[in-house]
C-alpha atoms as a PDB file:
ATOM      1  CA  MET A   1      -0.002  -0.001   0.005  1.00  0.00           C
ATOM      2  CA  SER A   2       1.365   3.403  -0.931  1.00  0.00           C
ATOM      3  CA  GLU A   3       2.087   6.128   1.613  1.00  0.00           C
ATOM      4  CA  ALA A   4      -0.693   8.276   0.070  1.00  0.00           C
ATOM      5  CA  ALA A   5      -3.237   5.459   0.439  1.00  0.00           C
ATOM      6  CA  ARG A   6      -2.270   4.957   4.100  1.00  0.00           C
ATOM      7  CA  ALA A   7      -2.583   8.689   4.790  1.00  0.00           C
ATOM      8  CA  VAL A   8      -6.096   8.754   3.368  1.00  0.00           C
ATOM      9  CA  ARG A   9      -7.160   5.893   5.626  1.00  0.00           C
ATOM     10  CA  ALA A  10      -5.546   7.229   8.823  1.00  0.00           C
ATOM     11  CA  PHE A  11      -7.480   9.372  11.259  1.00  0.00           C
ATOM     12  CA  PRO A  12      -7.117  10.448  14.889  1.00  0.00           C
ATOM     13  CA  VAL A  13      -8.724   8.878  17.936  1.00  0.00           C
ATOM     14  CA  SER A  14     -10.675  11.174  20.244  1.00  0.00           C
ATOM     15  CA  VAL A  15     -11.656   9.949  23.710  1.00  0.00           C
ATOM     16  CA  LYS A  16     -14.775  11.592  25.172  1.00  0.00           C
ATOM     17  CA  GLY A  17     -16.354  11.384  28.608  1.00  0.00           C
ATOM     18  CA  VAL A  18     -19.988  11.317  29.640  1.00  0.00           C
ATOM     19  CA  LEU A  19     -20.100  13.018  33.045  1.00  0.00           C
ATOM     20  CA  VAL A  20     -23.483  13.160  34.786  1.00  0.00           C
ATOM     21  CA  ARG A  21     -24.092  15.140  37.973  1.00  0.00           C
ATOM     22  CA  ASP A  22     -27.504  15.606  39.553  1.00  0.00           C
ATOM     23  CA  GLY A  23     -29.225  14.058  36.531  1.00  0.00           C
ATOM     24  CA  ARG A  24     -27.524  16.359  34.031  1.00  0.00           C
ATOM     25  CA  VAL A  25     -24.706  15.744  31.546  1.00  0.00           C
ATOM     26  CA  LEU A  26     -21.755  18.086  31.034  1.00  0.00           C
ATOM     27  CA  LEU A  27     -21.427  19.430  27.464  1.00  0.00           C
ATOM     28  CA  LEU A  28     -19.213  21.931  25.669  1.00  0.00           C
ATOM     29  CA  LYS A  29     -19.996  24.042  22.590  1.00  0.00           C
ATOM     30  CA  ASN A  30     -17.313  23.918  19.885  1.00  0.00           C
ATOM     31  CA  GLU A  31     -16.320  26.222  17.043  1.00  0.00           C
ATOM     32  CA  ARG A  32     -18.795  24.471  14.697  1.00  0.00           C
ATOM     33  CA  GLU A  33     -21.637  25.614  16.983  1.00  0.00           C
ATOM     34  CA  GLU A  34     -22.212  21.988  18.034  1.00  0.00           C
ATOM     35  CA  TRP A  35     -22.457  20.683  21.557  1.00  0.00           C
ATOM     36  CA  GLU A  36     -20.038  17.885  22.357  1.00  0.00           C
ATOM     37  CA  LEU A  37     -18.752  15.740  25.161  1.00  0.00           C
ATOM     38  CA  PRO A  38     -15.535  16.850  26.849  1.00  0.00           C
ATOM     39  CA  GLY A  39     -12.424  14.997  25.783  1.00  0.00           C
ATOM     40  CA  GLY A  40      -9.776  15.028  23.125  1.00  0.00           C
ATOM     41  CA  LYS A  41      -7.136  13.302  21.092  1.00  0.00           C
ATOM     42  CA  LEU A  42      -5.407  10.222  22.375  1.00  0.00           C
ATOM     43  CA  GLU A  43      -1.651  10.731  22.641  1.00  0.00           C
ATOM     44  CA  LEU A  44       0.814   8.074  21.526  1.00  0.00           C
ATOM     45  CA  GLY A  45       1.323   5.586  24.375  1.00  0.00           C
ATOM     46  CA  GLU A  46      -1.570   6.995  26.432  1.00  0.00           C
ATOM     47  CA  GLU A  47      -4.334   4.717  27.719  1.00  0.00           C
ATOM     48  CA  PRO A  48      -7.847   5.881  26.732  1.00  0.00           C
ATOM     49  CA  PRO A  49      -9.183   6.139  30.344  1.00  0.00           C
ATOM     50  CA  ALA A  50      -6.176   8.310  31.310  1.00  0.00           C
ATOM     51  CA  CYS A  51      -6.728  10.430  28.200  1.00  0.00           C
ATOM     52  CA  VAL A  52     -10.354  11.205  28.998  1.00  0.00           C
ATOM     53  CA  ALA A  53      -9.550  12.115  32.616  1.00  0.00           C
ATOM     54  CA  ARG A  54      -6.679  14.386  31.457  1.00  0.00           C
ATOM     55  CA  GLU A  55      -8.735  16.055  28.746  1.00  0.00           C
ATOM     56  CA  ILE A  56     -11.718  16.707  31.014  1.00  0.00           C
ATOM     57  CA  ALA A  57      -9.390  18.286  33.600  1.00  0.00           C
ATOM     58  CA  GLU A  58      -7.786  20.470  30.889  1.00  0.00           C
ATOM     59  CA  GLU A  59     -11.096  21.555  29.342  1.00  0.00           C
ATOM     60  CA  THR A  60     -13.229  22.015  32.479  1.00  0.00           C
ATOM     61  CA  GLY A  61     -11.008  21.903  35.562  1.00  0.00           C
ATOM     62  CA  LEU A  62     -12.983  18.886  36.802  1.00  0.00           C
ATOM     63  CA  VAL A  63     -11.421  15.720  38.201  1.00  0.00           C
ATOM     64  CA  VAL A  64     -13.063  12.506  37.023  1.00  0.00           C
ATOM     65  CA  THR A  65     -12.478   8.792  37.082  1.00  0.00           C
ATOM     66  CA  ALA A  66     -13.143   7.007  33.816  1.00  0.00           C
ATOM     67  CA  GLY A  67     -15.614   4.171  34.097  1.00  0.00           C
ATOM     68  CA  PRO A  68     -16.710   1.703  31.459  1.00  0.00           C
ATOM     69  CA  ILE A  69     -16.323   2.227  27.746  1.00  0.00           C
ATOM     70  CA  LEU A  70     -19.710   3.101  26.282  1.00  0.00           C
ATOM     71  CA  ASP A  71     -19.199   3.210  22.550  1.00  0.00           C
ATOM     72  CA  ALA A  72     -16.776   3.465  19.616  1.00  0.00           C
ATOM     73  CA  TRP A  73     -17.809   5.038  16.332  1.00  0.00           C
ATOM     74  CA  GLN A  74     -16.359   6.876  13.362  1.00  0.00           C
ATOM     75  CA  TYR A  75     -17.393  10.521  13.094  1.00  0.00           C
ATOM     76  CA  HIS A  76     -17.286  12.055   9.615  1.00  0.00           C
ATOM     77  CA  ILE A  77     -16.914  15.773  10.387  1.00  0.00           C
ATOM     78  CA  ARG A  78     -16.456  16.867   6.762  1.00  0.00           C
ATOM     79  CA  ASP A  79     -14.576  15.754   3.659  1.00  0.00           C
ATOM     80  CA  GLY A  80     -11.055  14.794   4.647  1.00  0.00           C
ATOM     81  CA  ARG A  81     -11.793  15.034   8.405  1.00  0.00           C
ATOM     82  CA  ASP A  82     -12.786  11.813  10.185  1.00  0.00           C
ATOM     83  CA  VAL A  83     -12.219  10.839  13.797  1.00  0.00           C
ATOM     84  CA  LEU A  84     -12.633   7.590  15.717  1.00  0.00           C
ATOM     85  CA  ILE A  85     -14.618   8.489  18.834  1.00  0.00           C
ATOM     86  CA  LEU A  86     -14.355   6.403  22.026  1.00  0.00           C
ATOM     87  CA  THR A  87     -16.766   7.341  24.809  1.00  0.00           C
ATOM     88  CA  TYR A  88     -16.429   6.461  28.474  1.00  0.00           C
ATOM     89  CA  GLY A  89     -18.839   6.861  31.331  1.00  0.00           C
ATOM     90  CA  CYS A  90     -17.149   9.059  33.949  1.00  0.00           C
ATOM     91  CA  HIS A  91     -17.543   9.405  37.691  1.00  0.00           C
ATOM     92  CA  PRO A  92     -17.174  12.878  39.229  1.00  0.00           C
ATOM     93  CA  GLY A  93     -14.376  13.473  41.697  1.00  0.00           C
ATOM     94  CA  GLY A  94     -16.200  16.308  43.470  1.00  0.00           C
ATOM     95  CA  ASP A  95     -18.925  18.873  43.032  1.00  0.00           C
ATOM     96  CA  GLN A  96     -16.939  21.973  42.044  1.00  0.00           C
ATOM     97  CA  PRO A  97     -18.324  23.967  39.109  1.00  0.00           C
ATOM     98  CA  PRO A  98     -16.742  23.466  35.711  1.00  0.00           C
ATOM     99  CA  VAL A  99     -14.586  26.227  34.200  1.00  0.00           C
ATOM    100  CA  LEU A 100     -14.779  27.077  30.526  1.00  0.00           C
ATOM    101  CA  SER A 101     -11.417  26.784  28.768  1.00  0.00           C
ATOM    102  CA  HIS A 102     -10.232  28.715  25.716  1.00  0.00           C
ATOM    103  CA  GLU A 103     -11.004  25.625  23.571  1.00  0.00           C
ATOM    104  CA  HIS A 104     -14.786  26.064  23.678  1.00  0.00           C
ATOM    105  CA  GLN A 105     -17.454  28.736  23.418  1.00  0.00           C
ATOM    106  CA  ALA A 106     -19.850  27.576  26.155  1.00  0.00           C
ATOM    107  CA  ILE A 107     -20.229  24.980  28.890  1.00  0.00           C
ATOM    108  CA  GLY A 108     -23.223  23.611  30.718  1.00  0.00           C
ATOM    109  CA  PHE A 109     -25.102  20.736  32.272  1.00  0.00           C
ATOM    110  CA  PHE A 110     -28.151  19.438  30.410  1.00  0.00           C
ATOM    111  CA  SER A 111     -30.956  17.012  31.208  1.00  0.00           C
ATOM    112  CA  LEU A 112     -31.558  14.055  28.917  1.00  0.00           C
ATOM    113  CA  PRO A 113     -34.694  15.650  27.371  1.00  0.00           C
ATOM    114  CA  GLU A 114     -32.696  18.843  26.685  1.00  0.00           C
ATOM    115  CA  VAL A 115     -29.914  16.839  24.973  1.00  0.00           C
ATOM    116  CA  ALA A 116     -32.413  15.465  22.453  1.00  0.00           C
ATOM    117  CA  SER A 117     -32.942  18.927  20.958  1.00  0.00           C
ATOM    118  CA  LEU A 118     -29.301  20.079  20.924  1.00  0.00           C
ATOM    119  CA  SER A 119     -27.178  20.335  17.786  1.00  0.00           C
ATOM    120  CA  MET A 120     -24.734  17.461  18.284  1.00  0.00           C
ATOM    121  CA  PRO A 121     -23.731  14.246  16.535  1.00  0.00           C
ATOM    122  CA  ALA A 122     -26.092  11.313  17.076  1.00  0.00           C
ATOM    123  CA  GLY A 123     -23.216   9.197  18.395  1.00  0.00           C
ATOM    124  CA  TYR A 124     -22.786  11.529  21.366  1.00  0.00           C
ATOM    125  CA  LYS A 125     -26.521  11.393  22.089  1.00  0.00           C
ATOM    126  CA  ASP A 126     -26.374   7.573  21.985  1.00  0.00           C
ATOM    127  CA  SER A 127     -23.459   7.504  24.453  1.00  0.00           C
ATOM    128  CA  ILE A 128     -25.243   9.940  26.797  1.00  0.00           C
ATOM    129  CA  ARG A 129     -28.427   7.858  26.708  1.00  0.00           C
ATOM    130  CA  SER A 130     -26.410   4.688  27.365  1.00  0.00           C
ATOM    131  CA  TRP A 131     -24.666   6.174  30.437  1.00  0.00           C
ATOM    132  CA  PHE A 132     -27.980   7.469  31.841  1.00  0.00           C
ATOM    133  CA  GLU A 133     -29.407   3.957  31.429  1.00  0.00           C
ATOM    134  CA  ARG A 134     -26.471   2.388  33.272  1.00  0.00           C
ATOM    135  CA  LEU A 135     -26.616   4.965  36.076  1.00  0.00           C
ATOM    136  CA  THR A 136     -30.359   4.813  36.597  1.00  0.00           C
ATOM    137  CA  GLY A 137     -31.203   1.283  35.539  1.00  0.00           C
ATOM    138  CA  THR A 138     -33.886   2.676  33.192  1.00  0.00           C
ATOM    139  CA  ASN A 139     -34.269   3.178  29.471  1.00  0.00           C
ATOM    140  CA  GLY A 140     -32.893   6.685  29.855  1.00  0.00           C
ATOM    141  CA  THR A 141     -36.236   8.484  29.803  1.00  0.00           C
ATOM    142  CA  GLU A 142     -36.328   9.242  33.517  1.00  0.00           C
ATOM    143  CA  PRO A 143     -32.810   9.975  34.836  1.00  0.00           C
END
């Protein structure tokens, strides 16, 4: 396989965390005006659970412990820009308020019904619903 063919097929891995406090999930608004889960690119040699904890701390100032992996899916952002997304359920390490970093435009906690109407990739919504289900033992409709 040529170097050009390998480059076309290569894409980064982004590890995202679903953090729920008081029945609400933490979300960040990005430069594309989409809401997303906190997290970021996996560094060479880094374990995904460590990556998500590091990224959430960098982006929000919050300390978390990564729990179970929730999902893995390929996100096609636009032509030439694809990312493998890994999502983890996360457990809060305290109840301090999150701090908005320079990487995002807005930050907030949202209920599951609010998430349904937000502009965000379906894969994130699926991961959020899955974590709510695991936390509450329900189908995600009543967190």
